[in-house]
Amino acid sequence: MIQRTYVRKRYPVLLLLAVLLALTACSIRKTDDKKIRDVEFTVVDKDDIPEEFKLQIEEAKADVMKLSYADKGYLYAARGYGTKETSGYSVNVTQCFETEYNIQIKTALMGPGKEEKILKKKTYPYVVIKTEYTDKPIEFD
């Protein structure tokens, strides 16, 4: 009898958990990273970044940064790696491609070269790319 009472008290909790799990499972969308096509892009010189986007970058560059900005039929994306204590760092775009659900941008932080003169000053390595506008969200590495 004691066991039966214990099971009856646990039954509503288990039922509630099962319902919540079923509802949650229905709302999860599978993200497919399968490449549909490469996306053509250009790396934007700092002088050619739209002013409003430049301000956003300035505010965010001290921390890890993943930003996007649309302007005049183009999409700009910025990826930064936060504050570094020395000079010599750069960011390379290794891949940029479209999937069914998003635009994937993969980047790599490159450290100072062995023969490069390194200055002991704070730097904020980041890269900005420009591509044709799309309403798909950007997914950074």
N, C-alpha and C. Protein backbone atom coordinates (compact mmCIF):
# COMPACT_ATOMS: atom_id res chain seq x y z
N MET A 1 0.82 -1.19 0.00
CA MET A 1 0.00 0.00 0.00
C MET A 1 0.86 1.25 0.00
N ILE A 2 1.94 1.25 0.72
CA ILE A 2 2.81 2.42 0.77
C ILE A 2 3.41 2.69 -0.60
N GLN A 3 3.81 1.62 -1.28
CA GLN A 3 4.38 1.80 -2.61
C GLN A 3 3.36 2.39 -3.58
N ARG A 4 2.13 1.92 -3.53
CA ARG A 4 1.09 2.40 -4.41
C ARG A 4 0.85 3.89 -4.19
N THR A 5 0.83 4.36 -2.97
CA THR A 5 0.68 5.78 -2.65
C THR A 5 1.84 6.57 -3.23
N TYR A 6 3.04 6.06 -3.10
CA TYR A 6 4.24 6.71 -3.63
C TYR A 6 4.14 6.85 -5.15
N VAL A 7 3.70 5.78 -5.81
CA VAL A 7 3.56 5.80 -7.27
C VAL A 7 2.48 6.80 -7.68
N ARG A 8 1.37 6.86 -6.97
CA ARG A 8 0.30 7.79 -7.30
C ARG A 8 0.76 9.23 -7.16
N LYS A 9 1.56 9.53 -6.16
CA LYS A 9 2.05 10.89 -5.98
C LYS A 9 3.05 11.26 -7.07
N ARG A 10 3.82 10.31 -7.57
CA ARG A 10 4.82 10.58 -8.59
C ARG A 10 4.21 10.63 -10.00
N TYR A 11 3.07 9.99 -10.18
CA TYR A 11 2.46 9.91 -11.50
C TYR A 11 2.18 11.29 -12.11
N PRO A 12 1.56 12.24 -11.40
CA PRO A 12 1.31 13.55 -12.00
C PRO A 12 2.60 14.29 -12.38
N VAL A 13 3.64 14.12 -11.58
CA VAL A 13 4.92 14.77 -11.88
C VAL A 13 5.52 14.17 -13.15
N LEU A 14 5.48 12.85 -13.26
CA LEU A 14 6.01 12.19 -14.45
C LEU A 14 5.21 12.55 -15.69
N LEU A 15 3.90 12.63 -15.54
CA LEU A 15 3.05 13.02 -16.65
C LEU A 15 3.37 14.44 -17.11
N LEU A 16 3.53 15.35 -16.16
CA LEU A 16 3.88 16.73 -16.48
C LEU A 16 5.22 16.79 -17.20
N LEU A 17 6.21 16.06 -16.73
CA LEU A 17 7.52 16.03 -17.38
C LEU A 17 7.43 15.49 -18.81
N ALA A 18 6.64 14.45 -18.99
CA ALA A 18 6.47 13.88 -20.33
C ALA A 18 5.82 14.88 -21.29
N VAL A 19 4.81 15.60 -20.82
CA VAL A 19 4.15 16.62 -21.65
C VAL A 19 5.13 17.74 -22.00
N LEU A 20 5.88 18.22 -21.01
CA LEU A 20 6.86 19.28 -21.27
C LEU A 20 7.93 18.84 -22.26
N LEU A 21 8.39 17.61 -22.11
CA LEU A 21 9.39 17.08 -23.03
C LEU A 21 8.83 16.99 -24.45
N ALA A 22 7.60 16.53 -24.58
CA ALA A 22 6.98 16.43 -25.90
C ALA A 22 6.82 17.80 -26.54
N LEU A 23 6.40 18.79 -25.77
CA LEU A 23 6.23 20.14 -26.32
C LEU A 23 7.57 20.76 -26.70
N THR A 24 8.57 20.54 -25.90
CA THR A 24 9.89 21.09 -26.18
C THR A 24 10.48 20.44 -27.43
N ALA A 25 10.31 19.15 -27.55
CA ALA A 25 10.87 18.43 -28.70
C ALA A 25 10.25 18.91 -30.00
N CYS A 26 9.01 19.31 -29.97
CA CYS A 26 8.35 19.78 -31.19
C CYS A 26 8.88 21.14 -31.64
N SER A 27 9.41 21.92 -30.71
CA SER A 27 9.84 23.26 -31.07
C SER A 27 11.30 23.34 -31.48
N ILE A 28 12.03 22.26 -31.36
CA ILE A 28 13.44 22.28 -31.74
C ILE A 28 13.56 22.10 -33.24
N ARG A 29 14.24 23.05 -33.90
CA ARG A 29 14.45 22.96 -35.33
C ARG A 29 15.85 22.42 -35.58
N LYS A 30 15.94 21.45 -36.42
CA LYS A 30 17.24 20.89 -36.76
C LYS A 30 18.00 21.92 -37.59
N THR A 31 19.23 22.21 -37.19
CA THR A 31 20.04 23.11 -37.98
C THR A 31 20.96 22.27 -38.85
N ASP A 32 20.86 22.46 -40.11
CA ASP A 32 21.63 21.69 -41.07
C ASP A 32 22.77 22.58 -41.59
N ASP A 33 23.99 22.17 -41.33
CA ASP A 33 25.16 22.94 -41.75
C ASP A 33 25.66 22.52 -43.14
N LYS A 34 24.82 21.83 -43.88
CA LYS A 34 25.22 21.38 -45.21
C LYS A 34 25.28 22.57 -46.16
N LYS A 35 26.43 22.75 -46.78
CA LYS A 35 26.64 23.89 -47.66
C LYS A 35 25.81 23.78 -48.94
N ILE A 36 25.08 24.86 -49.23
CA ILE A 36 24.35 24.96 -50.49
C ILE A 36 25.28 25.56 -51.55
N ARG A 37 25.95 26.65 -51.15
CA ARG A 37 26.86 27.33 -52.07
C ARG A 37 27.82 28.21 -51.29
N ASP A 38 28.97 28.50 -51.90
CA ASP A 38 29.89 29.48 -51.32
C ASP A 38 29.30 30.86 -51.51
N VAL A 39 29.56 31.73 -50.57
CA VAL A 39 29.09 33.11 -50.65
C VAL A 39 30.29 33.99 -50.99
N GLU A 40 30.15 34.77 -52.04
CA GLU A 40 31.22 35.69 -52.41
C GLU A 40 31.23 36.86 -51.44
N PHE A 41 32.43 37.28 -51.04
CA PHE A 41 32.55 38.39 -50.10
C PHE A 41 33.85 39.13 -50.36
N THR A 42 33.91 40.33 -49.84
CA THR A 42 35.15 41.09 -49.86
C THR A 42 35.45 41.54 -48.44
N VAL A 43 36.73 41.57 -48.12
CA VAL A 43 37.15 42.11 -46.83
C VAL A 43 37.14 43.62 -46.97
N VAL A 44 36.49 44.28 -46.03
CA VAL A 44 36.28 45.73 -46.10
C VAL A 44 37.39 46.46 -45.36
N ASP A 45 37.98 47.44 -46.02
CA ASP A 45 38.96 48.31 -45.38
C ASP A 45 38.25 49.14 -44.32
N LYS A 46 38.94 49.43 -43.24
CA LYS A 46 38.32 50.17 -42.12
C LYS A 46 37.71 51.51 -42.57
N ASP A 47 38.27 52.14 -43.58
CA ASP A 47 37.75 53.42 -44.07
C ASP A 47 36.45 53.26 -44.85
N ASP A 48 36.14 52.04 -45.30
CA ASP A 48 34.95 51.81 -46.12
C ASP A 48 33.78 51.19 -45.35
N ILE A 49 33.93 51.05 -44.04
CA ILE A 49 32.85 50.51 -43.20
C ILE A 49 31.82 51.63 -43.00
N PRO A 50 30.53 51.33 -43.16
CA PRO A 50 29.50 52.36 -42.90
C PRO A 50 29.66 52.94 -41.49
N GLU A 51 29.47 54.24 -41.37
CA GLU A 51 29.73 54.95 -40.11
C GLU A 51 28.96 54.37 -38.92
N GLU A 52 27.68 54.06 -39.12
CA GLU A 52 26.89 53.52 -38.02
C GLU A 52 27.44 52.17 -37.55
N PHE A 53 27.86 51.35 -38.50
CA PHE A 53 28.44 50.04 -38.15
C PHE A 53 29.79 50.22 -37.46
N LYS A 54 30.55 51.20 -37.91
CA LYS A 54 31.84 51.52 -37.28
C LYS A 54 31.66 51.83 -35.80
N LEU A 55 30.62 52.58 -35.48
CA LEU A 55 30.33 52.92 -34.09
C LEU A 55 30.00 51.67 -33.27
N GLN A 56 29.22 50.77 -33.85
CA GLN A 56 28.88 49.52 -33.16
C GLN A 56 30.15 48.69 -32.89
N ILE A 57 31.02 48.65 -33.87
CA ILE A 57 32.27 47.90 -33.74
C ILE A 57 33.14 48.51 -32.64
N GLU A 58 33.25 49.84 -32.64
CA GLU A 58 34.06 50.52 -31.62
C GLU A 58 33.57 50.20 -30.22
N GLU A 59 32.26 50.14 -30.04
CA GLU A 59 31.68 49.85 -28.73
C GLU A 59 31.92 48.40 -28.31
N ALA A 60 32.01 47.49 -29.26
CA ALA A 60 32.07 46.06 -28.96
C ALA A 60 33.45 45.43 -29.08
N LYS A 61 34.42 46.12 -29.67
CA LYS A 61 35.68 45.49 -30.05
C LYS A 61 36.54 44.98 -28.89
N ALA A 62 36.36 45.47 -27.68
CA ALA A 62 37.17 45.02 -26.55
C ALA A 62 36.82 43.59 -26.12
N ASP A 63 35.64 43.12 -26.49
CA ASP A 63 35.20 41.76 -26.16
C ASP A 63 35.08 40.94 -27.45
N VAL A 64 34.85 39.65 -27.29
CA VAL A 64 34.58 38.82 -28.47
C VAL A 64 33.36 39.40 -29.17
N MET A 65 33.48 39.56 -30.49
CA MET A 65 32.47 40.31 -31.23
C MET A 65 31.99 39.52 -32.44
N LYS A 66 30.67 39.48 -32.60
CA LYS A 66 30.02 38.86 -33.76
C LYS A 66 28.85 39.76 -34.12
N LEU A 67 29.04 40.62 -35.10
CA LEU A 67 28.03 41.62 -35.46
C LEU A 67 27.69 41.52 -36.94
N SER A 68 26.48 41.97 -37.27
CA SER A 68 26.11 42.11 -38.68
C SER A 68 25.33 43.40 -38.84
N TYR A 69 25.33 43.88 -40.10
CA TYR A 69 24.71 45.17 -40.39
C TYR A 69 24.32 45.19 -41.86
N ALA A 70 23.10 45.61 -42.14
CA ALA A 70 22.62 45.71 -43.52
C ALA A 70 22.58 47.17 -43.94
N ASP A 71 23.02 47.45 -45.18
CA ASP A 71 23.03 48.83 -45.69
C ASP A 71 23.08 48.82 -47.21
N LYS A 72 22.13 49.48 -47.84
CA LYS A 72 22.10 49.69 -49.29
C LYS A 72 22.30 48.41 -50.11
N GLY A 73 21.57 47.36 -49.74
CA GLY A 73 21.62 46.11 -50.51
C GLY A 73 22.81 45.22 -50.19
N TYR A 74 23.56 45.57 -49.18
CA TYR A 74 24.72 44.77 -48.78
C TYR A 74 24.58 44.34 -47.33
N LEU A 75 25.25 43.26 -47.00
CA LEU A 75 25.31 42.77 -45.64
C LEU A 75 26.76 42.82 -45.20
N TYR A 76 27.00 43.45 -44.06
CA TYR A 76 28.33 43.53 -43.48
C TYR A 76 28.37 42.64 -42.26
N ALA A 77 29.46 41.93 -42.06
CA ALA A 77 29.62 41.08 -40.89
C ALA A 77 30.99 41.35 -40.28
N ALA A 78 31.02 41.50 -38.97
CA ALA A 78 32.28 41.76 -38.25
C ALA A 78 32.51 40.65 -37.23
N ARG A 79 33.72 40.15 -37.21
CA ARG A 79 34.10 39.12 -36.23
C ARG A 79 35.40 39.57 -35.56
N GLY A 80 35.36 39.73 -34.25
CA GLY A 80 36.53 40.15 -33.49
C GLY A 80 36.81 39.20 -32.35
N TYR A 81 38.04 39.23 -31.89
CA TYR A 81 38.48 38.30 -30.86
C TYR A 81 38.83 38.99 -29.54
N GLY A 82 38.39 40.22 -29.35
CA GLY A 82 38.62 40.90 -28.08
C GLY A 82 40.00 41.51 -27.96
N THR A 83 40.31 41.96 -26.77
CA THR A 83 41.55 42.67 -26.50
C THR A 83 42.74 41.70 -26.45
N LYS A 84 43.79 42.06 -27.15
CA LYS A 84 45.06 41.35 -27.10
C LYS A 84 46.10 42.31 -26.53
N GLU A 85 47.05 41.79 -25.80
CA GLU A 85 48.02 42.64 -25.10
C GLU A 85 49.18 43.10 -25.97
N THR A 86 49.30 42.54 -27.18
CA THR A 86 50.39 42.95 -28.08
C THR A 86 49.87 43.15 -29.49
N SER A 87 50.71 43.70 -30.32
CA SER A 87 50.39 43.87 -31.74
C SER A 87 50.67 42.56 -32.48
N GLY A 88 50.35 42.52 -33.76
CA GLY A 88 50.69 41.38 -34.59
C GLY A 88 49.58 40.39 -34.86
N TYR A 89 48.41 40.61 -34.29
CA TYR A 89 47.30 39.69 -34.51
C TYR A 89 46.47 40.12 -35.72
N SER A 90 45.89 39.15 -36.39
CA SER A 90 44.97 39.44 -37.49
C SER A 90 43.89 38.36 -37.53
N VAL A 91 42.83 38.64 -38.28
CA VAL A 91 41.72 37.69 -38.39
C VAL A 91 41.55 37.35 -39.87
N ASN A 92 41.53 36.06 -40.16
CA ASN A 92 41.31 35.59 -41.53
C ASN A 92 39.95 34.92 -41.64
N VAL A 93 39.28 35.14 -42.76
CA VAL A 93 38.03 34.44 -43.06
C VAL A 93 38.41 33.17 -43.79
N THR A 94 38.11 32.02 -43.19
CA THR A 94 38.48 30.75 -43.79
C THR A 94 37.37 30.17 -44.66
N GLN A 95 36.10 30.47 -44.31
CA GLN A 95 34.97 29.99 -45.11
C GLN A 95 33.80 30.95 -44.96
N CYS A 96 33.03 31.06 -46.02
CA CYS A 96 31.78 31.81 -45.99
C CYS A 96 30.85 31.10 -46.97
N PHE A 97 29.79 30.48 -46.41
CA PHE A 97 28.89 29.73 -47.27
C PHE A 97 27.46 29.79 -46.75
N GLU A 98 26.54 29.45 -47.65
CA GLU A 98 25.11 29.47 -47.34
C GLU A 98 24.64 28.05 -47.08
N THR A 99 23.78 27.90 -46.04
CA THR A 99 23.09 26.64 -45.79
C THR A 99 21.60 26.90 -45.99
N GLU A 100 20.80 25.90 -45.76
CA GLU A 100 19.36 26.08 -45.90
C GLU A 100 18.83 27.14 -44.95
N TYR A 101 19.43 27.24 -43.76
CA TYR A 101 18.89 28.11 -42.72
C TYR A 101 19.67 29.39 -42.45
N ASN A 102 20.96 29.45 -42.85
CA ASN A 102 21.76 30.61 -42.47
C ASN A 102 22.98 30.80 -43.39
N ILE A 103 23.75 31.83 -43.06
CA ILE A 103 25.04 32.06 -43.69
C ILE A 103 26.10 31.72 -42.64
N GLN A 104 27.00 30.83 -42.97
CA GLN A 104 28.06 30.41 -42.06
C GLN A 104 29.34 31.19 -42.38
N ILE A 105 29.91 31.83 -41.37
CA ILE A 105 31.19 32.53 -41.53
C ILE A 105 32.16 31.93 -40.53
N LYS A 106 33.23 31.39 -41.06
CA LYS A 106 34.26 30.78 -40.21
C LYS A 106 35.53 31.61 -40.33
N THR A 107 36.10 31.92 -39.18
CA THR A 107 37.29 32.77 -39.14
C THR A 107 38.35 32.12 -38.26
N ALA A 108 39.56 32.67 -38.34
CA ALA A 108 40.67 32.20 -37.51
C ALA A 108 41.48 33.40 -37.05
N LEU A 109 41.84 33.38 -35.79
CA LEU A 109 42.72 34.40 -35.24
C LEU A 109 44.16 33.97 -35.50
N MET A 110 44.90 34.83 -36.15
CA MET A 110 46.30 34.55 -36.47
C MET A 110 47.18 35.35 -35.52
N GLY A 111 48.11 34.67 -34.87
CA GLY A 111 49.01 35.33 -33.93
C GLY A 111 50.18 35.98 -34.65
N PRO A 112 50.98 36.70 -33.90
CA PRO A 112 52.15 37.36 -34.49
C PRO A 112 53.11 36.32 -35.08
N GLY A 113 53.71 36.68 -36.21
CA GLY A 113 54.71 35.82 -36.82
C GLY A 113 55.99 35.82 -36.00
N LYS A 114 56.81 34.79 -36.14
CA LYS A 114 58.04 34.66 -35.36
C LYS A 114 59.02 35.80 -35.63
N GLU A 115 59.04 36.28 -36.85
CA GLU A 115 60.00 37.33 -37.20
C GLU A 115 59.37 38.72 -37.18
N GLU A 116 58.12 38.80 -36.80
CA GLU A 116 57.41 40.07 -36.77
C GLU A 116 57.78 40.86 -35.51
N LYS A 117 57.96 42.17 -35.68
CA LYS A 117 58.23 43.03 -34.53
C LYS A 117 56.93 43.22 -33.76
N ILE A 118 56.96 42.86 -32.49
CA ILE A 118 55.75 42.92 -31.67
C ILE A 118 55.86 44.09 -30.71
N LEU A 119 54.80 44.90 -30.69
CA LEU A 119 54.74 46.03 -29.77
C LEU A 119 53.87 45.65 -28.57
N LYS A 120 54.28 46.06 -27.39
CA LYS A 120 53.52 45.79 -26.17
C LYS A 120 52.46 46.87 -26.02
N LYS A 121 51.35 46.70 -26.74
CA LYS A 121 50.23 47.63 -26.66
C LYS A 121 48.95 46.86 -26.94
N LYS A 122 47.86 47.34 -26.38
CA LYS A 122 46.58 46.66 -26.57
C LYS A 122 46.11 46.83 -28.01
N THR A 123 45.64 45.74 -28.58
CA THR A 123 45.08 45.77 -29.93
C THR A 123 43.75 45.02 -29.90
N TYR A 124 42.97 45.22 -30.95
CA TYR A 124 41.62 44.65 -31.03
C TYR A 124 41.43 44.05 -32.42
N PRO A 125 41.98 42.87 -32.66
CA PRO A 125 41.90 42.30 -34.01
C PRO A 125 40.47 41.91 -34.40
N TYR A 126 40.08 42.36 -35.58
CA TYR A 126 38.77 41.99 -36.11
C TYR A 126 38.82 42.11 -37.63
N VAL A 127 37.83 41.51 -38.26
CA VAL A 127 37.69 41.58 -39.71
C VAL A 127 36.24 41.94 -40.02
N VAL A 128 36.05 42.70 -41.09
CA VAL A 128 34.72 43.05 -41.58
C VAL A 128 34.63 42.59 -43.03
N ILE A 129 33.57 41.85 -43.33
CA ILE A 129 33.34 41.44 -44.72
C ILE A 129 32.04 42.05 -45.23
N LYS A 130 31.95 42.11 -46.55
CA LYS A 130 30.77 42.66 -47.23
C LYS A 130 30.31 41.64 -48.26
N THR A 131 29.01 41.40 -48.29
CA THR A 131 28.44 40.49 -49.27
C THR A 131 27.07 41.01 -49.67
N GLU A 132 26.45 40.37 -50.65
CA GLU A 132 25.10 40.76 -51.04
C GLU A 132 24.15 40.51 -49.87
N TYR A 133 23.12 41.35 -49.78
CA TYR A 133 22.16 41.23 -48.69
C TYR A 133 21.40 39.92 -48.78
N THR A 134 21.16 39.33 -47.62
CA THR A 134 20.26 38.19 -47.48
C THR A 134 19.53 38.36 -46.15
N ASP A 135 18.32 37.81 -46.07
CA ASP A 135 17.61 37.89 -44.80
C ASP A 135 17.89 36.68 -43.91
N LYS A 136 18.75 35.78 -44.37
CA LYS A 136 19.13 34.64 -43.54
C LYS A 136 20.05 35.11 -42.42
N PRO A 137 19.90 34.54 -41.24
CA PRO A 137 20.78 34.94 -40.14
C PRO A 137 22.22 34.49 -40.38
N ILE A 138 23.15 35.19 -39.76
CA ILE A 138 24.55 34.84 -39.87
C ILE A 138 24.94 34.00 -38.65
N GLU A 139 25.63 32.92 -38.91
CA GLU A 139 26.14 32.04 -37.86
C GLU A 139 27.67 32.10 -37.94
N PHE A 140 28.29 32.61 -36.89
CA PHE A 140 29.75 32.69 -36.85
C PHE A 140 30.30 31.40 -36.23
N ASP A 141 31.55 31.10 -36.55
CA ASP A 141 32.20 29.92 -36.00
C ASP A 141 32.23 29.93 -34.50
